[in-house]
PDB file of all heavy atoms in Angstrom:
ATOM      1  N   ALA A   1     111.797 -37.365  37.476  1.00  0.00           N
ATOM      2  CA  ALA A   1     110.908 -37.288  36.214  1.00  0.00           C
ATOM      3  C   ALA A   1     110.536 -35.724  36.057  1.00  0.00           C
ATOM      4  O   ALA A   1     110.492 -35.433  34.904  1.00  0.00           O
ATOM      5  CB  ALA A   1     109.666 -38.076  36.610  1.00  0.00           C
ATOM      6  N   ALA A   2     110.261 -35.006  37.047  1.00  0.00           N
ATOM      7  CA  ALA A   2     109.835 -33.594  36.915  1.00  0.00           C
ATOM      8  C   ALA A   2     110.955 -32.846  36.331  1.00  0.00           C
ATOM      9  O   ALA A   2     110.777 -32.054  35.449  1.00  0.00           O
ATOM     10  CB  ALA A   2     109.234 -33.017  38.210  1.00  0.00           C
ATOM     11  N   LEU A   3     112.158 -33.086  36.789  1.00  0.00           N
ATOM     12  CA  LEU A   3     113.239 -32.344  36.303  1.00  0.00           C
ATOM     13  C   LEU A   3     113.584 -32.702  34.759  1.00  0.00           C
ATOM     14  O   LEU A   3     114.042 -31.805  33.977  1.00  0.00           O
ATOM     15  CB  LEU A   3     114.546 -32.537  37.269  1.00  0.00           C
ATOM     16  CG  LEU A   3     114.519 -31.991  38.610  1.00  0.00           C
ATOM     17  CD1 LEU A   3     115.730 -32.488  39.409  1.00  0.00           C
ATOM     18  CD2 LEU A   3     114.555 -30.444  38.518  1.00  0.00           C
ATOM     19  N   LEU A   4     113.312 -33.948  34.539  1.00  0.00           N
ATOM     20  CA  LEU A   4     113.615 -34.325  33.042  1.00  0.00           C
ATOM     21  C   LEU A   4     112.661 -33.609  32.279  1.00  0.00           C
ATOM     22  O   LEU A   4     112.985 -33.228  31.041  1.00  0.00           O
ATOM     23  CB  LEU A   4     113.454 -35.811  33.023  1.00  0.00           C
ATOM     24  CG  LEU A   4     114.539 -36.822  33.538  1.00  0.00           C
ATOM     25  CD1 LEU A   4     114.254 -38.261  33.510  1.00  0.00           C
ATOM     26  CD2 LEU A   4     115.751 -36.472  32.616  1.00  0.00           C
ATOM     27  N   LEU A   5     111.275 -33.410  32.635  1.00  0.00           N
ATOM     28  CA  LEU A   5     110.385 -32.720  31.921  1.00  0.00           C
ATOM     29  C   LEU A   5     110.889 -31.217  31.744  1.00  0.00           C
ATOM     30  O   LEU A   5     110.650 -30.613  30.761  1.00  0.00           O
ATOM     31  CB  LEU A   5     109.076 -32.772  32.552  1.00  0.00           C
ATOM     32  CG  LEU A   5     108.228 -34.122  32.365  1.00  0.00           C
ATOM     33  CD1 LEU A   5     106.869 -33.996  33.203  1.00  0.00           C
ATOM     34  CD2 LEU A   5     107.949 -34.236  30.886  1.00  0.00           C
ATOM     35  N   ALA A   6     111.429 -30.730  32.877  1.00  0.00           N
ATOM     36  CA  ALA A   6     111.799 -29.230  32.838  1.00  0.00           C
ATOM     37  C   ALA A   6     112.953 -28.965  31.962  1.00  0.00           C
ATOM     38  O   ALA A   6     112.973 -27.943  31.306  1.00  0.00           O
ATOM     39  CB  ALA A   6     112.155 -28.808  34.394  1.00  0.00           C
ATOM     40  N   VAL A   7     113.830 -29.951  31.815  1.00  0.00           N
ATOM     41  CA  VAL A   7     115.013 -29.775  30.953  1.00  0.00           C
ATOM     42  C   VAL A   7     114.914 -30.363  29.555  1.00  0.00           C
ATOM     43  O   VAL A   7     115.953 -30.476  28.855  1.00  0.00           O
ATOM     44  CB  VAL A   7     116.314 -30.147  31.668  1.00  0.00           C
ATOM     45  CG1 VAL A   7     116.553 -29.547  33.061  1.00  0.00           C
ATOM     46  CG2 VAL A   7     116.228 -31.638  32.030  1.00  0.00           C
ATOM     47  N   MET A   8     113.829 -30.905  29.303  1.00  0.00           N
ATOM     48  CA  MET A   8     113.586 -31.747  28.051  1.00  0.00           C
ATOM     49  C   MET A   8     113.716 -30.827  26.838  1.00  0.00           C
ATOM     50  O   MET A   8     113.324 -29.702  26.744  1.00  0.00           O
ATOM     51  CB  MET A   8     112.076 -32.221  27.977  1.00  0.00           C
ATOM     52  CG  MET A   8     111.679 -32.977  26.780  1.00  0.00           C
ATOM     53  SD  MET A   8     110.005 -33.694  26.952  1.00  0.00           S
ATOM     54  CE  MET A   8     109.164 -32.154  27.398  1.00  0.00           C
ATOM     55  N   SER A   9     114.406 -31.365  25.915  1.00  0.00           N
ATOM     56  CA  SER A   9     114.753 -30.614  24.548  1.00  0.00           C
ATOM     57  C   SER A   9     113.642 -30.887  23.556  1.00  0.00           C
ATOM     58  O   SER A   9     112.868 -31.845  23.750  1.00  0.00           O
ATOM     59  CB  SER A   9     116.083 -31.028  23.986  1.00  0.00           C
ATOM     60  OG  SER A   9     115.991 -32.390  23.667  1.00  0.00           O
ATOM     61  N   ARG A  10     113.405 -30.042  22.640  1.00  0.00           N
ATOM     62  CA  ARG A  10     112.430 -30.254  21.671  1.00  0.00           C
ATOM     63  C   ARG A  10     112.714 -31.429  20.823  1.00  0.00           C
ATOM     64  O   ARG A  10     111.774 -32.262  20.428  1.00  0.00           O
ATOM     65  CB  ARG A  10     112.323 -28.937  20.757  1.00  0.00           C
ATOM     66  CG  ARG A  10     111.098 -29.024  19.757  1.00  0.00           C
ATOM     67  CD  ARG A  10     111.048 -27.806  18.952  1.00  0.00           C
ATOM     68  NE  ARG A  10     110.912 -26.579  19.740  1.00  0.00           N
ATOM     69  CZ  ARG A  10     109.671 -26.188  20.142  1.00  0.00           C
ATOM     70  NH1 ARG A  10     108.610 -26.919  19.794  1.00  0.00           N
ATOM     71  NH2 ARG A  10     109.554 -25.073  20.883  1.00  0.00           N
ATOM     72  N   LYS A  11     113.888 -31.792  20.547  1.00  0.00           N
ATOM     73  CA  LYS A  11     114.249 -32.892  19.798  1.00  0.00           C
ATOM     74  C   LYS A  11     113.801 -34.205  20.559  1.00  0.00           C
ATOM     75  O   LYS A  11     113.251 -35.175  19.959  1.00  0.00           O
ATOM     76  CB  LYS A  11     115.836 -33.058  19.642  1.00  0.00           C
ATOM     77  CG  LYS A  11     116.287 -34.242  18.865  1.00  0.00           C
ATOM     78  CD  LYS A  11     117.801 -34.076  18.628  1.00  0.00           C
ATOM     79  CE  LYS A  11     118.316 -35.381  17.824  1.00  0.00           C
ATOM     80  NZ  LYS A  11     119.865 -35.421  17.621  1.00  0.00           N
ATOM     81  N   ASN A  12     114.183 -34.246  21.811  1.00  0.00           N
ATOM     82  CA  ASN A  12     113.676 -35.519  22.603  1.00  0.00           C
ATOM     83  C   ASN A  12     112.192 -35.598  22.654  1.00  0.00           C
ATOM     84  O   ASN A  12     111.656 -36.675  22.658  1.00  0.00           O
ATOM     85  CB  ASN A  12     114.279 -35.435  23.955  1.00  0.00           C
ATOM     86  CG  ASN A  12     115.807 -35.785  24.002  1.00  0.00           C
ATOM     87  OD1 ASN A  12     116.326 -36.358  23.177  1.00  0.00           O
ATOM     88  ND2 ASN A  12     116.548 -35.182  24.902  1.00  0.00           N
ATOM     89  N   PHE A  13     111.460 -34.418  22.869  1.00  0.00           N
ATOM     90  CA  PHE A  13     110.060 -34.449  22.833  1.00  0.00           C
ATOM     91  C   PHE A  13     109.433 -34.948  21.477  1.00  0.00           C
ATOM     92  O   PHE A  13     108.647 -35.857  21.532  1.00  0.00           O
ATOM     93  CB  PHE A  13     109.489 -33.070  23.208  1.00  0.00           C
ATOM     94  CG  PHE A  13     108.047 -33.015  23.149  1.00  0.00           C
ATOM     95  CD1 PHE A  13     107.366 -33.439  24.296  1.00  0.00           C
ATOM     96  CD2 PHE A  13     107.411 -32.407  22.082  1.00  0.00           C
ATOM     97  CE1 PHE A  13     106.027 -33.357  24.184  1.00  0.00           C
ATOM     98  CE2 PHE A  13     105.954 -32.342  21.903  1.00  0.00           C
ATOM     99  CZ  PHE A  13     105.277 -32.810  23.096  1.00  0.00           C
ATOM    100  N   SER A  14     110.013 -34.464  20.424  1.00  0.00           N
ATOM    101  CA  SER A  14     109.527 -34.962  19.023  1.00  0.00           C
ATOM    102  C   SER A  14     109.758 -36.423  18.912  1.00  0.00           C
ATOM    103  O   SER A  14     108.947 -37.063  18.267  1.00  0.00           O
ATOM    104  CB  SER A  14     110.238 -34.135  17.860  1.00  0.00           C
ATOM    105  OG  SER A  14     110.054 -32.718  18.100  1.00  0.00           O
ATOM    106  N   ARG A  15     110.730 -36.911  19.511  1.00  0.00           N
ATOM    107  CA  ARG A  15     111.082 -38.407  19.288  1.00  0.00           C
ATOM    108  C   ARG A  15     109.921 -39.268  19.905  1.00  0.00           C
ATOM    109  O   ARG A  15     109.588 -40.373  19.352  1.00  0.00           O
ATOM    110  CB  ARG A  15     112.301 -38.729  19.887  1.00  0.00           C
ATOM    111  CG  ARG A  15     112.887 -40.148  19.574  1.00  0.00           C
ATOM    112  CD  ARG A  15     114.258 -40.414  20.264  1.00  0.00           C
ATOM    113  NE  ARG A  15     115.187 -39.364  19.799  1.00  0.00           N
ATOM    114  CZ  ARG A  15     116.378 -39.287  20.367  1.00  0.00           C
ATOM    115  NH1 ARG A  15     116.739 -40.004  21.400  1.00  0.00           N
ATOM    116  NH2 ARG A  15     117.168 -38.316  19.822  1.00  0.00           N
ATOM    117  N   TYR A  16     109.361 -38.854  21.004  1.00  0.00           N
ATOM    118  CA  TYR A  16     108.495 -39.658  21.870  1.00  0.00           C
ATOM    119  C   TYR A  16     107.020 -39.097  21.740  1.00  0.00           C
ATOM    120  O   TYR A  16     106.085 -39.729  22.327  1.00  0.00           O
ATOM    121  CB  TYR A  16     108.878 -39.684  23.201  1.00  0.00           C
ATOM    122  CG  TYR A  16     110.206 -40.326  23.450  1.00  0.00           C
ATOM    123  CD1 TYR A  16     111.354 -39.514  23.786  1.00  0.00           C
ATOM    124  CD2 TYR A  16     110.385 -41.660  23.211  1.00  0.00           C
ATOM    125  CE1 TYR A  16     112.572 -40.143  23.997  1.00  0.00           C
ATOM    126  CE2 TYR A  16     111.607 -42.322  23.482  1.00  0.00           C
ATOM    127  CZ  TYR A  16     112.772 -41.472  23.713  1.00  0.00           C
ATOM    128  OH  TYR A  16     113.913 -42.093  23.987  1.00  0.00           O
ATOM    129  N   LYS A  17     106.719 -38.116  21.012  1.00  0.00           N
ATOM    130  CA  LYS A  17     105.422 -37.414  21.114  1.00  0.00           C
ATOM    131  C   LYS A  17     104.392 -38.324  20.519  1.00  0.00           C
ATOM    132  O   LYS A  17     103.159 -38.308  20.826  1.00  0.00           O
ATOM    133  CB  LYS A  17     105.327 -36.057  20.497  1.00  0.00           C
ATOM    134  CG  LYS A  17     105.566 -36.163  18.924  1.00  0.00           C
ATOM    135  CD  LYS A  17     105.568 -34.839  18.393  1.00  0.00           C
ATOM    136  CE  LYS A  17     105.828 -34.821  16.901  1.00  0.00           C
ATOM    137  NZ  LYS A  17     104.867 -34.042  16.112  1.00  0.00           N
ATOM    138  N   GLU A  18     104.592 -39.199  19.609  1.00  0.00           N
ATOM    139  CA  GLU A  18     103.604 -40.055  18.843  1.00  0.00           C
ATOM    140  C   GLU A  18     103.385 -41.290  19.532  1.00  0.00           C
ATOM    141  O   GLU A  18     102.245 -41.700  19.811  1.00  0.00           O
ATOM    142  CB  GLU A  18     103.946 -40.189  17.526  1.00  0.00           C
ATOM    143  CG  GLU A  18     103.993 -38.897  16.543  1.00  0.00           C
ATOM    144  CD  GLU A  18     102.677 -38.320  16.518  1.00  0.00           C
ATOM    145  OE1 GLU A  18     101.611 -38.961  16.684  1.00  0.00           O
ATOM    146  OE2 GLU A  18     102.569 -37.052  16.246  1.00  0.00           O
ATOM    147  N   ASP A  19     104.460 -42.025  19.882  1.00  0.00           N
ATOM    148  CA  ASP A  19     104.291 -43.321  20.469  1.00  0.00           C
ATOM    149  C   ASP A  19     104.786 -43.413  21.911  1.00  0.00           C
ATOM    150  O   ASP A  19     104.703 -44.546  22.391  1.00  0.00           O
ATOM    151  CB  ASP A  19     105.126 -44.356  19.564  1.00  0.00           C
ATOM    152  CG  ASP A  19     104.636 -44.431  18.123  1.00  0.00           C
ATOM    153  OD1 ASP A  19     103.416 -44.310  18.013  1.00  0.00           O
ATOM    154  OD2 ASP A  19     105.468 -44.447  17.199  1.00  0.00           O
ATOM    155  N   GLY A  20     105.244 -42.429  22.454  1.00  0.00           N
ATOM    156  CA  GLY A  20     105.851 -42.456  23.792  1.00  0.00           C
ATOM    157  C   GLY A  20     104.888 -42.102  24.862  1.00  0.00           C
ATOM    158  O   GLY A  20     103.724 -42.212  24.657  1.00  0.00           O
ATOM    159  N   ILE A  21     105.397 -41.634  25.921  1.00  0.00           N
ATOM    160  CA  ILE A  21     104.636 -41.350  27.169  1.00  0.00           C
ATOM    161  C   ILE A  21     103.765 -40.073  27.067  1.00  0.00           C
ATOM    162  O   ILE A  21     102.715 -39.856  27.793  1.00  0.00           O
ATOM    163  CB  ILE A  21     105.496 -41.211  28.394  1.00  0.00           C
ATOM    164  CG1 ILE A  21     106.527 -39.961  28.169  1.00  0.00           C
ATOM    165  CG2 ILE A  21     106.272 -42.458  28.694  1.00  0.00           C
ATOM    166  CD1 ILE A  21     107.296 -39.789  29.389  1.00  0.00           C
ATOM    167  N   PHE A  22     104.109 -39.281  25.993  1.00  0.00           N
ATOM    168  CA  PHE A  22     103.238 -38.089  25.727  1.00  0.00           C
ATOM    169  C   PHE A  22     102.143 -38.251  24.786  1.00  0.00           C
ATOM    170  O   PHE A  22     101.437 -37.273  24.526  1.00  0.00           O
ATOM    171  CB  PHE A  22     104.298 -36.950  25.172  1.00  0.00           C
ATOM    172  CG  PHE A  22     105.453 -36.767  26.042  1.00  0.00           C
ATOM    173  CD1 PHE A  22     106.727 -37.097  25.446  1.00  0.00           C
ATOM    174  CD2 PHE A  22     105.434 -36.225  27.240  1.00  0.00           C
ATOM    175  CE1 PHE A  22     107.831 -36.988  26.303  1.00  0.00           C
ATOM    176  CE2 PHE A  22     106.630 -35.987  27.991  1.00  0.00           C
ATOM    177  CZ  PHE A  22     107.693 -36.391  27.523  1.00  0.00           C
ATOM    178  N   SER A  23     102.045 -39.347  24.128  1.00  0.00           N
ATOM    179  CA  SER A  23     101.142 -39.443  22.990  1.00  0.00           C
ATOM    180  C   SER A  23      99.608 -39.222  23.359  1.00  0.00           C
ATOM    181  O   SER A  23      99.014 -38.427  22.616  1.00  0.00           O
ATOM    182  CB  SER A  23     101.209 -40.956  22.418  1.00  0.00           C
ATOM    183  OG  SER A  23     100.892 -41.814  23.322  1.00  0.00           O
ATOM    184  N   GLY A  24      99.186 -39.736  24.382  1.00  0.00           N
ATOM    185  CA  GLY A  24      97.809 -39.560  24.904  1.00  0.00           C
ATOM    186  C   GLY A  24      97.501 -38.061  25.079  1.00  0.00           C
ATOM    187  O   GLY A  24      96.485 -37.520  24.599  1.00  0.00           O
ATOM    188  N   ALA A  25      98.412 -37.372  25.779  1.00  0.00           N
ATOM    189  CA  ALA A  25      98.205 -35.911  25.990  1.00  0.00           C
ATOM    190  C   ALA A  25      98.312 -35.110  24.731  1.00  0.00           C
ATOM    191  O   ALA A  25      97.534 -34.166  24.628  1.00  0.00           O
ATOM    192  CB  ALA A  25      99.271 -35.379  27.080  1.00  0.00           C
ATOM    193  N   VAL A  26      99.235 -35.434  23.859  1.00  0.00           N
ATOM    194  CA  VAL A  26      99.431 -34.740  22.564  1.00  0.00           C
ATOM    195  C   VAL A  26      98.184 -34.847  21.661  1.00  0.00           C
ATOM    196  O   VAL A  26      97.588 -33.944  21.098  1.00  0.00           O
ATOM    197  CB  VAL A  26     100.589 -35.245  21.849  1.00  0.00           C
ATOM    198  CG1 VAL A  26     100.684 -34.753  20.374  1.00  0.00           C
ATOM    199  CG2 VAL A  26     101.940 -34.968  22.581  1.00  0.00           C
ATOM    200  N   VAL A  27      97.504 -36.081  21.695  1.00  0.00           N
ATOM    201  CA  VAL A  27      96.351 -36.296  20.899  1.00  0.00           C
ATOM    202  C   VAL A  27      95.149 -35.334  21.455  1.00  0.00           C
ATOM    203  O   VAL A  27      94.542 -34.748  20.616  1.00  0.00           O
ATOM    204  CB  VAL A  27      95.946 -37.761  20.878  1.00  0.00           C
ATOM    205  CG1 VAL A  27      94.406 -37.944  20.399  1.00  0.00           C
ATOM    206  CG2 VAL A  27      96.941 -38.578  20.188  1.00  0.00           C
ATOM    207  N   ARG A  28      95.052 -35.295  22.779  1.00  0.00           N
ATOM    208  CA  ARG A  28      94.054 -34.458  23.350  1.00  0.00           C
ATOM    209  C   ARG A  28      94.224 -32.972  23.042  1.00  0.00           C
ATOM    210  O   ARG A  28      93.425 -32.143  22.681  1.00  0.00           O
ATOM    211  CB  ARG A  28      93.945 -34.653  24.855  1.00  0.00           C
ATOM    212  CG  ARG A  28      92.963 -33.893  25.568  1.00  0.00           C
ATOM    213  CD  ARG A  28      92.639 -34.152  26.946  1.00  0.00           C
ATOM    214  NE  ARG A  28      91.782 -33.316  27.694  1.00  0.00           N
ATOM    215  CZ  ARG A  28      90.485 -33.242  27.648  1.00  0.00           C
ATOM    216  NH1 ARG A  28      89.877 -34.135  26.807  1.00  0.00           N
ATOM    217  NH2 ARG A  28      89.803 -32.400  28.204  1.00  0.00           N
ATOM    218  N   ILE A  29      95.438 -32.617  23.054  1.00  0.00           N
ATOM    219  CA  ILE A  29      95.898 -31.166  22.796  1.00  0.00           C
ATOM    220  C   ILE A  29      95.530 -30.756  21.440  1.00  0.00           C
ATOM    221  O   ILE A  29      95.030 -29.792  21.130  1.00  0.00           O
ATOM    222  CB  ILE A  29      97.332 -30.909  23.157  1.00  0.00           C
ATOM    223  CG1 ILE A  29      97.562 -30.892  24.672  1.00  0.00           C
ATOM    224  CG2 ILE A  29      97.665 -29.524  22.707  1.00  0.00           C
ATOM    225  CD1 ILE A  29      98.944 -30.812  25.124  1.00  0.00           C
ATOM    226  N   ARG A  30      95.931 -31.715  20.515  1.00  0.00           N
ATOM    227  CA  ARG A  30      95.682 -31.569  19.023  1.00  0.00           C
ATOM    228  C   ARG A  30      94.129 -31.404  18.873  1.00  0.00           C
ATOM    229  O   ARG A  30      93.670 -30.507  18.043  1.00  0.00           O
ATOM    230  CB  ARG A  30      96.317 -32.708  18.188  1.00  0.00           C
ATOM    231  CG  ARG A  30      96.004 -32.532  16.667  1.00  0.00           C
ATOM    232  CD  ARG A  30      96.431 -33.742  15.915  1.00  0.00           C
ATOM    233  NE  ARG A  30      97.752 -33.981  16.091  1.00  0.00           N
ATOM    234  CZ  ARG A  30      98.394 -34.924  16.612  1.00  0.00           C
ATOM    235  NH1 ARG A  30      97.605 -35.906  17.123  1.00  0.00           N
ATOM    236  NH2 ARG A  30      99.715 -35.121  16.592  1.00  0.00           N
ATOM    237  N   ARG A  31      93.281 -32.270  19.503  1.00  0.00           N
ATOM    238  CA  ARG A  31      91.914 -32.118  19.323  1.00  0.00           C
ATOM    239  C   ARG A  31      91.371 -30.857  19.736  1.00  0.00           C
ATOM    240  O   ARG A  31      90.475 -30.196  19.152  1.00  0.00           O
ATOM    241  CB  ARG A  31      91.235 -33.323  19.999  1.00  0.00           C
ATOM    242  CG  ARG A  31      89.762 -33.431  19.832  1.00  0.00           C
ATOM    243  CD  ARG A  31      89.127 -34.476  20.646  1.00  0.00           C
ATOM    244  NE  ARG A  31      89.738 -35.830  20.341  1.00  0.00           N
ATOM    245  CZ  ARG A  31      90.367 -36.473  21.263  1.00  0.00           C
ATOM    246  NH1 ARG A  31      90.541 -36.094  22.494  1.00  0.00           N
ATOM    247  NH2 ARG A  31      91.037 -37.716  20.974  1.00  0.00           N
ATOM    248  N   LEU A  32      91.870 -30.405  20.942  1.00  0.00           N
ATOM    249  CA  LEU A  32      91.384 -29.073  21.578  1.00  0.00           C
ATOM    250  C   LEU A  32      91.848 -27.816  20.693  1.00  0.00           C
ATOM    251  O   LEU A  32      90.995 -27.002  20.371  1.00  0.00           O
ATOM    252  CB  LEU A  32      91.983 -28.837  22.926  1.00  0.00           C
ATOM    253  CG  LEU A  32      91.301 -29.793  23.896  1.00  0.00           C
ATOM    254  CD1 LEU A  32      92.133 -29.633  25.302  1.00  0.00           C
ATOM    255  CD2 LEU A  32      89.847 -29.613  24.159  1.00  0.00           C
ATOM    256  N   LEU A  33      92.982 -27.965  20.118  1.00  0.00           N
ATOM    257  CA  LEU A  33      93.513 -26.849  19.255  1.00  0.00           C
ATOM    258  C   LEU A  33      92.781 -26.846  17.848  1.00  0.00           C
ATOM    259  O   LEU A  33      92.523 -25.785  17.360  1.00  0.00           O
ATOM    260  CB  LEU A  33      95.007 -27.047  18.945  1.00  0.00           C
ATOM    261  CG  LEU A  33      95.882 -26.694  20.086  1.00  0.00           C
ATOM    262  CD1 LEU A  33      97.410 -27.010  19.818  1.00  0.00           C
ATOM    263  CD2 LEU A  33      95.930 -25.173  20.369  1.00  0.00           C
TER     264      LEU A  33
END
């Protein structure tokens, strides 16, 4: 899992950032920014 994060492409990240495993963290980062 850590290696998948390390080699993750921007395209794959964009695909899952709203509804996937990253959504909660992305919302918090957006609020802080």
